Protein backbone atom coordinates (compact mmCIF):
# COMPACT_ATOMS: atom_id res chain seq x y z
CA MET A 1 5.06 20.14 14.41
CA VAL A 2 1.91 22.47 15.55
CA ARG A 3 3.02 26.20 16.65
CA THR A 4 0.77 29.10 17.90
CA ASN A 5 1.60 32.35 19.31
CA THR A 6 1.73 31.25 22.88
CA ALA A 7 3.20 27.71 22.84
CA ALA A 8 4.70 24.90 20.45
CA CYS A 9 4.31 21.23 20.54
CA CYS A 10 6.16 18.36 18.54
CA LEU A 11 4.37 15.17 17.65
CA LEU A 12 6.40 12.14 16.76
CA GLN A 13 5.77 8.55 15.62
CA GLU A 14 7.64 5.35 15.26
CA LEU A 15 9.45 5.70 18.33
CA LYS A 16 11.00 2.39 17.70
CA THR A 17 11.31 1.97 21.94
CA PRO A 18 9.42 0.70 24.72
CA GLN A 19 7.36 2.52 27.08
CA GLU A 20 10.07 2.33 30.03
CA LYS A 21 13.07 3.44 28.01
CA PHE A 22 11.46 7.02 26.39
CA PRO A 23 14.22 9.62 27.30
CA ILE A 24 11.79 11.62 29.34
CA GLU A 25 14.38 13.19 31.40
CA ALA A 26 16.06 14.84 28.10
CA MET A 27 12.97 15.83 27.39
CA LYS A 28 12.36 17.65 30.69
CA ASP A 29 15.88 19.17 30.29
CA ASP A 30 15.04 20.78 26.90
CA GLY A 31 11.66 22.21 28.52
CA TYR A 32 9.24 19.93 27.08
CA GLY A 33 6.45 18.12 28.66
CA THR A 34 5.53 14.59 27.44
CA VAL A 35 3.02 12.17 27.00
CA TRP A 36 4.07 8.82 25.17
CA HIS A 37 2.63 5.69 23.98
CA GLY A 38 5.92 3.52 23.65
CA GLN A 39 6.25 0.24 21.73
CA LYS A 40 9.42 -1.70 20.48
CA SER A 41 10.05 -2.25 16.88
CA TRP A 42 8.03 0.04 14.60
CA ASN A 43 5.27 1.76 16.64
CA GLY A 44 5.28 4.23 19.13
CA VAL A 45 3.82 7.88 19.47
CA ALA A 46 4.44 10.99 21.42
CA ILE A 47 3.44 14.47 22.33
CA LEU A 48 5.80 17.06 23.34
CA ALA A 49 4.79 20.63 24.23
CA ARG A 50 7.36 23.15 24.88
CA GLY A 51 6.91 25.21 28.50
CA THR A 52 3.70 23.19 29.64
CA GLU A 53 2.53 19.71 30.58
CA PRO A 54 0.25 18.10 28.26
CA GLN A 55 -2.84 16.58 29.74
CA GLU A 56 -3.60 13.27 28.25
CA THR A 57 -6.99 12.37 26.97
CA ARG A 58 -6.65 9.09 25.40
CA ARG A 59 -4.26 5.93 24.62
CA GLY A 60 -5.27 4.08 21.70
CA LEU A 61 -8.30 4.05 19.67
CA PRO A 62 -11.76 2.58 20.75
CA GLY A 63 -13.35 -0.34 19.03
CA ASP A 64 -10.96 -3.15 19.64
CA ALA A 65 -9.76 -4.10 22.85
CA ASP A 66 -7.42 -6.64 21.65
CA ASP A 67 -5.37 -4.08 19.81
CA MET A 68 -1.76 -3.82 21.51
CA HIS A 69 0.07 -1.55 19.05
CA SER A 70 1.04 1.86 20.31
CA GLY A 71 -0.70 3.74 17.13
CA TYR A 72 -2.56 6.59 19.26
CA ILE A 73 -2.18 8.67 21.62
CA GLU A 74 -4.04 12.47 22.49
CA ALA A 75 -3.47 15.20 24.75
CA ALA A 76 -5.07 18.87 25.50
CA ILE A 77 -2.56 21.60 25.19
CA ASN A 78 -3.37 25.28 25.82
CA GLY A 79 -7.24 24.73 24.80
CA ILE A 80 -6.33 22.61 21.66
CA LEU A 81 -6.64 18.77 21.57
CA VAL A 82 -3.77 16.93 19.62
CA GLY A 83 -3.68 13.45 18.43
CA CYS A 84 -1.04 12.13 17.16
CA LEU A 85 -0.87 8.84 15.30
CA TYR A 86 0.96 6.34 13.71
CA LEU A 87 -1.35 4.24 10.92
CA ALA A 88 0.24 1.16 9.62
CA ASN A 89 2.03 0.69 6.38
CA GLY A 90 0.19 -2.34 5.41
CA ASN A 91 2.33 -4.14 3.71
CA PRO A 92 2.92 -6.69 2.08
CA ALA A 93 -0.51 -6.23 0.56
CA PRO A 94 -2.87 -7.45 0.18
CA GLY A 95 -2.61 -9.48 3.10
CA PRO A 96 -3.07 -9.53 7.25
CA LYS A 97 -0.87 -6.42 7.78
CA PHE A 98 -3.14 -4.58 5.19
CA ASP A 99 -6.32 -6.03 6.56
CA TYR A 100 -5.25 -4.68 10.12
CA LYS A 101 -4.62 -1.09 8.46
CA LEU A 102 -7.86 -1.03 6.86
CA ARG A 103 -9.60 -1.98 10.19
CA TRP A 104 -7.47 0.37 12.24
CA PHE A 105 -8.40 3.09 9.76
CA GLU A 106 -12.10 2.44 10.14
CA ARG A 107 -12.01 2.62 13.64
CA PHE A 108 -9.93 6.18 13.23
CA ILE A 109 -12.72 7.21 10.91
CA ASN A 110 -15.33 6.65 13.62
CA TYR A 111 -13.54 8.24 16.24
CA ALA A 112 -12.82 11.69 14.36
CA ALA A 113 -16.38 11.89 13.17
CA ASP A 114 -17.06 11.41 17.30
CA LEU A 115 -14.56 14.54 17.71
CA LEU A 116 -16.22 16.73 14.92
CA ALA A 117 -19.86 15.94 16.45
CA GLU A 118 -18.90 17.38 19.40
CA GLU A 119 -17.11 20.05 18.13
CA VAL A 120 -13.82 19.82 19.61
CA THR A 121 -10.68 21.86 18.78
CA VAL A 122 -8.72 19.05 17.48
CA VAL A 123 -5.56 18.63 15.36
CA LEU A 124 -4.79 15.09 14.03
CA VAL A 125 -1.32 14.70 13.25
CA GLY A 126 0.57 11.75 12.27
CA ASP A 127 2.32 9.32 9.67
CA TYR A 128 -1.20 8.47 7.87
CA ASN A 129 1.00 5.78 5.31
CA VAL A 130 -1.65 7.10 2.58
CA ILE A 131 -0.63 9.02 -0.68
CA PRO A 132 -3.94 10.92 -1.12
CA THR A 133 -3.46 11.78 -4.66
CA GLU A 134 -1.37 11.32 -7.91
CA MET A 135 -0.10 15.00 -6.75
CA ASP A 136 1.52 13.79 -3.76
CA ALA A 137 4.11 10.93 -5.33
CA TYR A 138 6.89 11.13 -7.60
CA LYS A 139 6.00 8.95 -10.65
CA PRO A 140 2.82 7.72 -8.82
CA GLU A 141 2.47 4.77 -11.46
CA CYS A 142 5.39 3.31 -9.48
CA TRP A 143 3.25 2.97 -6.41
CA LEU A 144 0.18 1.44 -7.54
CA GLY A 145 1.00 -1.82 -6.00
CA ASP A 146 1.97 -0.68 -2.67
CA ALA A 147 -0.67 -0.22 0.41
CA LEU A 148 0.23 3.71 0.72
CA CYS A 149 -1.54 3.84 -2.60
CA PHE A 150 -4.39 0.87 -2.80
CA PRO A 151 -7.42 2.15 -3.73
CA GLU A 152 -8.70 1.34 -0.24
CA SER A 153 -6.23 3.39 1.40
CA ARG A 154 -7.24 6.61 -0.57
CA ALA A 155 -10.79 5.83 -0.02
CA ALA A 156 -10.43 5.66 3.57
CA PHE A 157 -8.51 8.75 3.62
CA HIS A 158 -10.85 10.67 1.41
CA ARG A 159 -13.71 9.63 3.48
CA LEU A 160 -11.94 10.73 6.56
CA VAL A 161 -11.33 14.37 5.00
CA ALA A 162 -14.88 14.55 3.83
CA GLN A 163 -16.32 14.37 7.15
CA GLY A 164 -15.14 18.30 7.76
CA TRP A 165 -11.14 18.18 8.03
CA THR A 166 -8.88 20.57 6.48
CA ASP A 167 -5.65 18.92 5.19
CA ALA A 168 -3.43 21.95 6.21
CA VAL A 169 -0.13 21.63 3.89
CA ARG A 170 -2.67 21.02 0.80
CA THR A 171 -4.69 23.77 1.68
CA ILE A 172 -1.64 26.40 1.87
CA TYR A 173 -0.20 24.81 -1.18
CA PRO A 174 -3.01 23.46 -3.46
CA THR A 175 -1.17 22.91 -6.70
CA ASP A 176 2.63 22.27 -5.29
CA HIS A 177 4.21 18.67 -5.27
CA ILE A 178 5.33 18.64 -1.65
CA TYR A 179 6.77 15.68 -0.32
CA THR A 180 7.13 14.42 3.31
CA TYR A 181 8.90 11.44 2.61
CA TRP A 182 11.73 10.19 0.81
CA ASP A 183 13.12 6.15 0.81
CA TYR A 184 16.77 5.47 1.56
CA PHE A 185 17.17 3.45 -1.37
CA ARG A 186 18.15 4.64 -5.08
CA ASN A 187 19.31 8.14 -4.23
CA ALA A 188 15.52 9.18 -3.66
CA TYR A 189 16.00 12.62 -2.05
CA GLY A 190 18.63 13.57 -4.53
CA ARG A 191 16.67 12.93 -7.38
CA ASP A 192 13.35 14.40 -5.25
CA ALA A 193 11.54 11.13 -5.31
CA GLY A 194 9.40 11.62 -2.81
CA LEU A 195 5.94 10.71 -1.07
CA ARG A 196 3.47 13.01 0.97
CA ILE A 197 2.49 10.55 3.54
CA ASP A 198 2.47 12.84 6.54
CA HIS A 199 -0.47 15.12 7.24
CA LEU A 200 -2.37 17.64 9.60
CA LEU A 201 -5.79 17.43 9.63
CA LEU A 202 -7.84 20.41 11.13
CA SER A 203 -11.09 20.74 12.79
CA PRO A 204 -13.19 23.53 11.58
CA GLN A 205 -12.30 25.21 14.73
CA VAL A 206 -8.69 24.98 14.21
CA ALA A 207 -8.81 25.62 10.54
CA SER A 208 -9.82 29.22 10.46
CA HIS A 209 -6.80 30.12 12.75
CA LEU A 210 -4.64 28.24 10.10
CA THR A 211 -1.62 31.03 8.73
CA GLU A 212 0.95 28.79 7.63
CA ALA A 213 2.20 25.34 6.79
CA GLY A 214 5.39 23.67 5.53
CA VAL A 215 7.61 20.90 5.21
CA ASP A 216 11.36 21.18 6.37
CA ARG A 217 12.74 19.27 3.52
CA GLU A 218 16.26 20.10 4.61
CA VAL A 219 16.26 17.99 7.26
CA ARG A 220 16.35 14.66 4.88
CA GLY A 221 19.62 15.70 3.50
CA TRP A 222 21.16 15.56 6.96
CA GLU A 223 23.65 12.65 7.99
CA LYS A 224 21.78 9.80 9.53
CA THR A 225 18.24 11.36 9.23
CA SER A 226 14.78 9.70 9.14
CA ASP A 227 13.24 9.06 5.91
CA HIS A 228 10.52 11.50 7.14
CA VAL A 229 10.99 15.32 7.55
CA PRO A 230 9.25 17.72 10.06
CA THR A 231 5.73 18.61 8.64
CA TRP A 232 4.23 21.78 10.45
CA ILE A 233 1.63 24.28 10.54
CA GLU A 234 1.21 27.66 12.32
CA LEU A 235 -1.99 28.76 14.15
CA THR A 236 -3.01 32.22 15.32
CA PRO A 237 -5.48 33.07 18.06
C-alpha cells in the first residue's frame, strides 16, 4: 500500500482470476478506482486508488511480445507513477521456470532504468520473489537451494536497486529482521520463520518524501489469510 496526505492506493498480486471475473463492481462500491491485468492461476496484478481513477500507462513489460503472463501493470495516480509487479517464483530451479524469471527480471531492470533516466516520480511495488540478504530470511541457509535465494536472483535485485532506487522498508528499518511472507507449513508464522520478498522501491523523486514504512504482520494470523501480509509506505508532499 502507498499512502499520502491526499490519497491511498493498494497494489495486489497473484489475483488468480481471469480478466473478466475481477470484482470491479465491489471495488467501486468500496470507493476504489481500479486497473487490473487478470489471469487464471498464479499471475495477475491490480492497482486500486481510493477516491480517484488510476490512469493506466502500461500493461506488461516491453521486450517480449510473446510473453502472455500478467506480471506487470502501471498507472498514474495524483502525480505518482505506480508500477505493480509479480515476479515469477522460478522454482523448480534450475530449469525453464527459473530461466523465465531471469529473462523477465532483465526486462524489468532495463525498463526501470528508462524510468529513472526520464526522472519519473515512480514507485515499483510487488512480490519480487527475491530474498535480498541473509537478514531477510529466518535461517537463510535453509533457502540456498531455492530460486528466491539463488545468487542470480539476488544479483539481479541488487543491480536493480543500484540504479538509484530506494528500498523503502530497509531504509526505515536498516537492521531489523522484518518479514512479509510466512509459509503455510511447519507452523512458519508461529515460529516467525518468515521471508522478506515483497518490496517497495522508490525513485529519488519519491524517496525524499518517505516518512514511514512497515508490515502489517498480524494479518498473517487471521483465519484463511494469505501467506503474504500487507507492506506499506507513507509519503508526505
